[in-house]
Amino acid sequence: MAKGGSDYFGLEWIVSLILAIIPVTSWVCGIITRIQEGKIIAALIRIFFGFNIIWILDLVFMILNKKIFRLL
């Protein structure tokens, strides 16, 4: 298993990538992980804009950098 904090809930990269590809799970997991990190504003941004630009950014960064995009 991957070390905690690198991907969704400390899961392996490939499992997190699969979760990120599915829009609904990406949106839900993104909101939950931001709340766990204490980033309430980022979670609110994901609630309102999660199915478009942020979802695409998550996918691109996850494929290129092998970690979740943590800015938002």
PDB file of N, CA and C in Angstrom:
ATOM      1  N   MET A   1       0.826  -1.190   0.000  1.00  0.00           N
ATOM      2  CA  MET A   1       0.000   0.000   0.000  1.00  0.00           C
ATOM      3  C   MET A   1       0.868   1.250   0.000  1.00  0.00           C
ATOM      4  N   ALA A   2       0.330   2.286  -0.577  1.00  0.00           N
ATOM      5  CA  ALA A   2       1.042   3.558  -0.594  1.00  0.00           C
ATOM      6  C   ALA A   2       0.960   4.204   0.779  1.00  0.00           C
ATOM      7  N   LYS A   3       1.905   5.066   1.049  1.00  0.00           N
ATOM      8  CA  LYS A   3       1.894   5.779   2.325  1.00  0.00           C
ATOM      9  C   LYS A   3       0.743   6.771   2.337  1.00  0.00           C
ATOM     10  N   GLY A   4       0.154   6.990   3.499  1.00  0.00           N
ATOM     11  CA  GLY A   4      -0.980   7.885   3.625  1.00  0.00           C
ATOM     12  C   GLY A   4      -0.640   9.304   3.201  1.00  0.00           C
ATOM     13  N   GLY A   5      -1.618   9.981   2.626  1.00  0.00           N
ATOM     14  CA  GLY A   5      -1.449  11.357   2.238  1.00  0.00           C
ATOM     15  C   GLY A   5      -1.020  11.555   0.793  1.00  0.00           C
ATOM     16  N   SER A   6      -0.625  10.496   0.101  1.00  0.00           N
ATOM     17  CA  SER A   6      -0.173  10.669  -1.272  1.00  0.00           C
ATOM     18  C   SER A   6      -1.319  10.543  -2.264  1.00  0.00           C
ATOM     19  N   ASP A   7      -2.270   9.695  -1.993  1.00  0.00           N
ATOM     20  CA  ASP A   7      -3.408   9.490  -2.882  1.00  0.00           C
ATOM     21  C   ASP A   7      -4.681   9.418  -2.047  1.00  0.00           C
ATOM     22  N   TYR A   8      -5.799   9.117  -2.711  1.00  0.00           N
ATOM     23  CA  TYR A   8      -7.068   9.046  -1.978  1.00  0.00           C
ATOM     24  C   TYR A   8      -6.973   8.058  -0.824  1.00  0.00           C
ATOM     25  N   PHE A   9      -7.131   8.536   0.376  1.00  0.00           N
ATOM     26  CA  PHE A   9      -7.214   7.723   1.589  1.00  0.00           C
ATOM     27  C   PHE A   9      -6.017   6.804   1.783  1.00  0.00           C
ATOM     28  N   GLY A  10      -4.868   7.137   1.196  1.00  0.00           N
ATOM     29  CA  GLY A  10      -3.680   6.305   1.329  1.00  0.00           C
ATOM     30  C   GLY A  10      -3.710   5.048   0.482  1.00  0.00           C
ATOM     31  N   LEU A  11      -4.608   4.986  -0.490  1.00  0.00           N
ATOM     32  CA  LEU A  11      -4.699   3.824  -1.371  1.00  0.00           C
ATOM     33  C   LEU A  11      -3.557   3.837  -2.379  1.00  0.00           C
ATOM     34  N   GLU A  12      -3.341   2.722  -3.029  1.00  0.00           N
ATOM     35  CA  GLU A  12      -2.321   2.644  -4.063  1.00  0.00           C
ATOM     36  C   GLU A  12      -2.671   3.580  -5.208  1.00  0.00           C
ATOM     37  N   TRP A  13      -1.648   3.955  -5.991  1.00  0.00           N
ATOM     38  CA  TRP A  13      -1.837   4.916  -7.077  1.00  0.00           C
ATOM     39  C   TRP A  13      -2.836   4.431  -8.105  1.00  0.00           C
ATOM     40  N   ILE A  14      -2.769   3.193  -8.502  1.00  0.00           N
ATOM     41  CA  ILE A  14      -3.652   2.679  -9.551  1.00  0.00           C
ATOM     42  C   ILE A  14      -5.114   2.671  -9.092  1.00  0.00           C
ATOM     43  N   VAL A  15      -5.351   2.363  -7.832  1.00  0.00           N
ATOM     44  CA  VAL A  15      -6.728   2.380  -7.294  1.00  0.00           C
ATOM     45  C   VAL A  15      -7.232   3.824  -7.255  1.00  0.00           C
ATOM     46  N   SER A  16      -6.375   4.750  -6.835  1.00  0.00           N
ATOM     47  CA  SER A  16      -6.761   6.158  -6.810  1.00  0.00           C
ATOM     48  C   SER A  16      -7.014   6.689  -8.210  1.00  0.00           C
ATOM     49  N   LEU A  17      -6.235   6.231  -9.179  1.00  0.00           N
ATOM     50  CA  LEU A  17      -6.447   6.656 -10.566  1.00  0.00           C
ATOM     51  C   LEU A  17      -7.801   6.171 -11.077  1.00  0.00           C
ATOM     52  N   ILE A  18      -8.150   4.945 -10.773  1.00  0.00           N
ATOM     53  CA  ILE A  18      -9.460   4.412 -11.175  1.00  0.00           C
ATOM     54  C   ILE A  18     -10.580   5.216 -10.536  1.00  0.00           C
ATOM     55  N   LEU A  19     -10.426   5.549  -9.257  1.00  0.00           N
ATOM     56  CA  LEU A  19     -11.431   6.372  -8.578  1.00  0.00           C
ATOM     57  C   LEU A  19     -11.504   7.771  -9.186  1.00  0.00           C
ATOM     58  N   ALA A  20     -10.367   8.305  -9.633  1.00  0.00           N
ATOM     59  CA  ALA A  20     -10.337   9.640 -10.225  1.00  0.00           C
ATOM     60  C   ALA A  20     -10.937   9.669 -11.627  1.00  0.00           C
ATOM     61  N   ILE A  21     -10.882   8.569 -12.338  1.00  0.00           N
ATOM     62  CA  ILE A  21     -11.433   8.522 -13.693  1.00  0.00           C
ATOM     63  C   ILE A  21     -12.955   8.588 -13.673  1.00  0.00           C
ATOM     64  N   ILE A  22     -13.563   7.987 -12.680  1.00  0.00           N
ATOM     65  CA  ILE A  22     -15.028   7.989 -12.558  1.00  0.00           C
ATOM     66  C   ILE A  22     -15.436   9.339 -11.947  1.00  0.00           C
ATOM     67  N   PRO A  23     -16.203  10.145 -12.681  1.00  0.00           N
ATOM     68  CA  PRO A  23     -16.502  11.506 -12.207  1.00  0.00           C
ATOM     69  C   PRO A  23     -17.136  11.581 -10.820  1.00  0.00           C
ATOM     70  N   VAL A  24     -18.100  10.744 -10.531  1.00  0.00           N
ATOM     71  CA  VAL A  24     -18.803  10.824  -9.244  1.00  0.00           C
ATOM     72  C   VAL A  24     -17.868  10.468  -8.088  1.00  0.00           C
ATOM     73  N   THR A  25     -17.110   9.382  -8.224  1.00  0.00           N
ATOM     74  CA  THR A  25     -16.197   9.002  -7.141  1.00  0.00           C
ATOM     75  C   THR A  25     -15.070  10.008  -6.988  1.00  0.00           C
ATOM     76  N   SER A  26     -14.619  10.580  -8.087  1.00  0.00           N
ATOM     77  CA  SER A  26     -13.584  11.611  -8.013  1.00  0.00           C
ATOM     78  C   SER A  26     -14.096  12.826  -7.246  1.00  0.00           C
ATOM     79  N   TRP A  27     -15.309  13.215  -7.523  1.00  0.00           N
ATOM     80  CA  TRP A  27     -15.909  14.368  -6.865  1.00  0.00           C
ATOM     81  C   TRP A  27     -16.069  14.110  -5.366  1.00  0.00           C
ATOM     82  N   VAL A  28     -16.625  12.952  -5.011  1.00  0.00           N
ATOM     83  CA  VAL A  28     -16.857  12.616  -3.603  1.00  0.00           C
ATOM     84  C   VAL A  28     -15.534  12.445  -2.861  1.00  0.00           C
ATOM     85  N   CYS A  29     -14.604  11.677  -3.434  1.00  0.00           N
ATOM     86  CA  CYS A  29     -13.305  11.457  -2.781  1.00  0.00           C
ATOM     87  C   CYS A  29     -12.529  12.758  -2.640  1.00  0.00           C
ATOM     88  N   GLY A  30     -12.614  13.623  -3.650  1.00  0.00           N
ATOM     89  CA  GLY A  30     -11.936  14.916  -3.580  1.00  0.00           C
ATOM     90  C   GLY A  30     -12.462  15.784  -2.457  1.00  0.00           C
ATOM     91  N   ILE A  31     -13.772  15.801  -2.308  1.00  0.00           N
ATOM     92  CA  ILE A  31     -14.378  16.598  -1.234  1.00  0.00           C
ATOM     93  C   ILE A  31     -13.987  16.039   0.129  1.00  0.00           C
ATOM     94  N   ILE A  32     -14.075  14.738   0.295  1.00  0.00           N
ATOM     95  CA  ILE A  32     -13.741  14.115   1.583  1.00  0.00           C
ATOM     96  C   ILE A  32     -12.281  14.324   1.948  1.00  0.00           C
ATOM     97  N   THR A  33     -11.374  14.144   0.973  1.00  0.00           N
ATOM     98  CA  THR A  33      -9.952  14.319   1.289  1.00  0.00           C
ATOM     99  C   THR A  33      -9.617  15.763   1.618  1.00  0.00           C
ATOM    100  N   ARG A  34     -10.262  16.730   0.974  1.00  0.00           N
ATOM    101  CA  ARG A  34     -10.006  18.134   1.298  1.00  0.00           C
ATOM    102  C   ARG A  34     -10.508  18.472   2.690  1.00  0.00           C
ATOM    103  N   ILE A  35     -11.656  17.925   3.066  1.00  0.00           N
ATOM    104  CA  ILE A  35     -12.176  18.165   4.420  1.00  0.00           C
ATOM    105  C   ILE A  35     -11.244  17.536   5.459  1.00  0.00           C
ATOM    106  N   GLN A  36     -10.727  16.328   5.183  1.00  0.00           N
ATOM    107  CA  GLN A  36      -9.788  15.682   6.097  1.00  0.00           C
ATOM    108  C   GLN A  36      -8.508  16.491   6.257  1.00  0.00           C
ATOM    109  N   GLU A  37      -8.091  17.176   5.194  1.00  0.00           N
ATOM    110  CA  GLU A  37      -6.887  18.007   5.245  1.00  0.00           C
ATOM    111  C   GLU A  37      -7.152  19.348   5.910  1.00  0.00           C
ATOM    112  N   GLY A  38      -8.411  19.656   6.191  1.00  0.00           N
ATOM    113  CA  GLY A  38      -8.769  20.922   6.818  1.00  0.00           C
ATOM    114  C   GLY A  38      -8.921  22.062   5.818  1.00  0.00           C
ATOM    115  N   LYS A  39      -9.026  21.739   4.544  1.00  0.00           N
ATOM    116  CA  LYS A  39      -9.171  22.740   3.489  1.00  0.00           C
ATOM    117  C   LYS A  39     -10.645  22.877   3.118  1.00  0.00           C
ATOM    118  N   ILE A  40     -11.388  23.583   3.951  1.00  0.00           N
ATOM    119  CA  ILE A  40     -12.829  23.720   3.784  1.00  0.00           C
ATOM    120  C   ILE A  40     -13.168  24.509   2.517  1.00  0.00           C
ATOM    121  N   ILE A  41     -12.425  25.588   2.251  1.00  0.00           N
ATOM    122  CA  ILE A  41     -12.683  26.389   1.058  1.00  0.00           C
ATOM    123  C   ILE A  41     -12.457  25.544  -0.200  1.00  0.00           C
ATOM    124  N   ALA A  42     -11.383  24.754  -0.214  1.00  0.00           N
ATOM    125  CA  ALA A  42     -11.110  23.884  -1.355  1.00  0.00           C
ATOM    126  C   ALA A  42     -12.226  22.858  -1.530  1.00  0.00           C
ATOM    127  N   ALA A  43     -12.768  22.358  -0.426  1.00  0.00           N
ATOM    128  CA  ALA A  43     -13.882  21.406  -0.517  1.00  0.00           C
ATOM    129  C   ALA A  43     -15.122  22.085  -1.106  1.00  0.00           C
ATOM    130  N   LEU A  44     -15.384  23.315  -0.693  1.00  0.00           N
ATOM    131  CA  LEU A  44     -16.536  24.039  -1.241  1.00  0.00           C
ATOM    132  C   LEU A  44     -16.350  24.328  -2.727  1.00  0.00           C
ATOM    133  N   ILE A  45     -15.129  24.662  -3.136  1.00  0.00           N
ATOM    134  CA  ILE A  45     -14.861  24.882  -4.563  1.00  0.00           C
ATOM    135  C   ILE A  45     -15.105  23.599  -5.338  1.00  0.00           C
ATOM    136  N   ARG A  46     -14.694  22.464  -4.785  1.00  0.00           N
ATOM    137  CA  ARG A  46     -14.914  21.179  -5.449  1.00  0.00           C
ATOM    138  C   ARG A  46     -16.397  20.840  -5.536  1.00  0.00           C
ATOM    139  N   ILE A  47     -17.173  21.241  -4.556  1.00  0.00           N
ATOM    140  CA  ILE A  47     -18.614  20.973  -4.596  1.00  0.00           C
ATOM    141  C   ILE A  47     -19.258  21.691  -5.785  1.00  0.00           C
ATOM    142  N   PHE A  48     -18.842  22.929  -6.027  1.00  0.00           N
ATOM    143  CA  PHE A  48     -19.483  23.717  -7.074  1.00  0.00           C
ATOM    144  C   PHE A  48     -18.827  23.583  -8.444  1.00  0.00           C
ATOM    145  N   PHE A  49     -17.524  23.249  -8.500  1.00  0.00           N
ATOM    146  CA  PHE A  49     -16.827  23.182  -9.785  1.00  0.00           C
ATOM    147  C   PHE A  49     -16.170  21.832 -10.032  1.00  0.00           C
ATOM    148  N   GLY A  50     -16.501  20.813  -9.244  1.00  0.00           N
ATOM    149  CA  GLY A  50     -15.816  19.532  -9.288  1.00  0.00           C
ATOM    150  C   GLY A  50     -15.977  18.709 -10.548  1.00  0.00           C
ATOM    151  N   PHE A  51     -17.055  18.897 -11.282  1.00  0.00           N
ATOM    152  CA  PHE A  51     -17.292  18.054 -12.451  1.00  0.00           C
ATOM    153  C   PHE A  51     -16.720  18.638 -13.734  1.00  0.00           C
ATOM    154  N   ASN A  52     -15.924  19.679 -13.652  1.00  0.00           N
ATOM    155  CA  ASN A  52     -15.382  20.229 -14.888  1.00  0.00           C
ATOM    156  C   ASN A  52     -13.876  20.424 -14.799  1.00  0.00           C
ATOM    157  N   ILE A  53     -13.429  21.616 -14.611  1.00  0.00           N
ATOM    158  CA  ILE A  53     -12.003  21.939 -14.672  1.00  0.00           C
ATOM    159  C   ILE A  53     -11.197  21.193 -13.620  1.00  0.00           C
ATOM    160  N   ILE A  54     -11.653  21.148 -12.393  1.00  0.00           N
ATOM    161  CA  ILE A  54     -10.895  20.504 -11.322  1.00  0.00           C
ATOM    162  C   ILE A  54     -10.793  19.002 -11.558  1.00  0.00           C
ATOM    163  N   TRP A  55     -11.847  18.386 -12.072  1.00  0.00           N
ATOM    164  CA  TRP A  55     -11.808  16.952 -12.377  1.00  0.00           C
ATOM    165  C   TRP A  55     -10.760  16.657 -13.445  1.00  0.00           C
ATOM    166  N   ILE A  56     -10.726  17.482 -14.479  1.00  0.00           N
ATOM    167  CA  ILE A  56      -9.731  17.304 -15.547  1.00  0.00           C
ATOM    168  C   ILE A  56      -8.322  17.531 -15.014  1.00  0.00           C
ATOM    169  N   LEU A  57      -8.137  18.554 -14.184  1.00  0.00           N
ATOM    170  CA  LEU A  57      -6.821  18.799 -13.579  1.00  0.00           C
ATOM    171  C   LEU A  57      -6.383  17.623 -12.715  1.00  0.00           C
ATOM    172  N   ASP A  58      -7.294  17.073 -11.939  1.00  0.00           N
ATOM    173  CA  ASP A  58      -6.977  15.897 -11.127  1.00  0.00           C
ATOM    174  C   ASP A  58      -6.464  14.754 -11.996  1.00  0.00           C
ATOM    175  N   LEU A  59      -7.158  14.489 -13.095  1.00  0.00           N
ATOM    176  CA  LEU A  59      -6.749  13.402 -13.984  1.00  0.00           C
ATOM    177  C   LEU A  59      -5.379  13.652 -14.599  1.00  0.00           C
ATOM    178  N   VAL A  60      -5.167  14.851 -15.113  1.00  0.00           N
ATOM    179  CA  VAL A  60      -3.892  15.170 -15.761  1.00  0.00           C
ATOM    180  C   VAL A  60      -2.741  15.055 -14.772  1.00  0.00           C
ATOM    181  N   PHE A  61      -2.876  15.667 -13.597  1.00  0.00           N
ATOM    182  CA  PHE A  61      -1.800  15.616 -12.606  1.00  0.00           C
ATOM    183  C   PHE A  61      -1.580  14.207 -12.069  1.00  0.00           C
ATOM    184  N   MET A  62      -2.653  13.453 -11.940  1.00  0.00           N
ATOM    185  CA  MET A  62      -2.502  12.102 -11.428  1.00  0.00           C
ATOM    186  C   MET A  62      -1.775  11.211 -12.424  1.00  0.00           C
ATOM    187  N   ILE A  63      -2.029  11.391 -13.697  1.00  0.00           N
ATOM    188  CA  ILE A  63      -1.353  10.597 -14.721  1.00  0.00           C
ATOM    189  C   ILE A  63       0.093  11.044 -14.893  1.00  0.00           C
ATOM    190  N   LEU A  64       0.336  12.348 -14.928  1.00  0.00           N
ATOM    191  CA  LEU A  64       1.684  12.861 -15.161  1.00  0.00           C
ATOM    192  C   LEU A  64       2.595  12.777 -13.932  1.00  0.00           C
ATOM    193  N   ASN A  65       2.066  13.130 -12.764  1.00  0.00           N
ATOM    194  CA  ASN A  65       2.888  13.203 -11.551  1.00  0.00           C
ATOM    195  C   ASN A  65       2.722  12.018 -10.616  1.00  0.00           C
ATOM    196  N   LYS A  66       1.759  11.155 -10.922  1.00  0.00           N
ATOM    197  CA  LYS A  66       1.428   9.996 -10.076  1.00  0.00           C
ATOM    198  C   LYS A  66       1.077  10.404  -8.647  1.00  0.00           C
ATOM    199  N   LYS A  67       0.411  11.537  -8.514  1.00  0.00           N
ATOM    200  CA  LYS A  67      -0.160  11.935  -7.234  1.00  0.00           C
ATOM    201  C   LYS A  67      -1.313  12.889  -7.494  1.00  0.00           C
ATOM    202  N   ILE A  68      -2.152  13.041  -6.508  1.00  0.00           N
ATOM    203  CA  ILE A  68      -3.338  13.873  -6.644  1.00  0.00           C
ATOM    204  C   ILE A  68      -2.952  15.345  -6.640  1.00  0.00           C
ATOM    205  N   PHE A  69      -3.626  16.113  -7.440  1.00  0.00           N
ATOM    206  CA  PHE A  69      -3.461  17.564  -7.497  1.00  0.00           C
ATOM    207  C   PHE A  69      -3.950  18.146  -6.178  1.00  0.00           C
ATOM    208  N   ARG A  70      -3.077  18.757  -5.390  1.00  0.00           N
ATOM    209  CA  ARG A  70      -3.426  19.214  -4.047  1.00  0.00           C
ATOM    210  C   ARG A  70      -3.691  20.705  -3.926  1.00  0.00           C
ATOM    211  N   LEU A  71      -3.660  21.455  -5.038  1.00  0.00           N
ATOM    212  CA  LEU A  71      -3.878  22.885  -4.943  1.00  0.00           C
ATOM    213  C   LEU A  71      -5.303  23.206  -4.504  1.00  0.00           C
ATOM    214  N   LEU A  72      -6.276  22.533  -5.115  1.00  0.00           N
ATOM    215  CA  LEU A  72      -7.685  22.768  -4.770  1.00  0.00           C
ATOM    216  C   LEU A  72      -8.300  21.495  -4.272  1.00  0.00           C
TER     217      LEU A  72
END
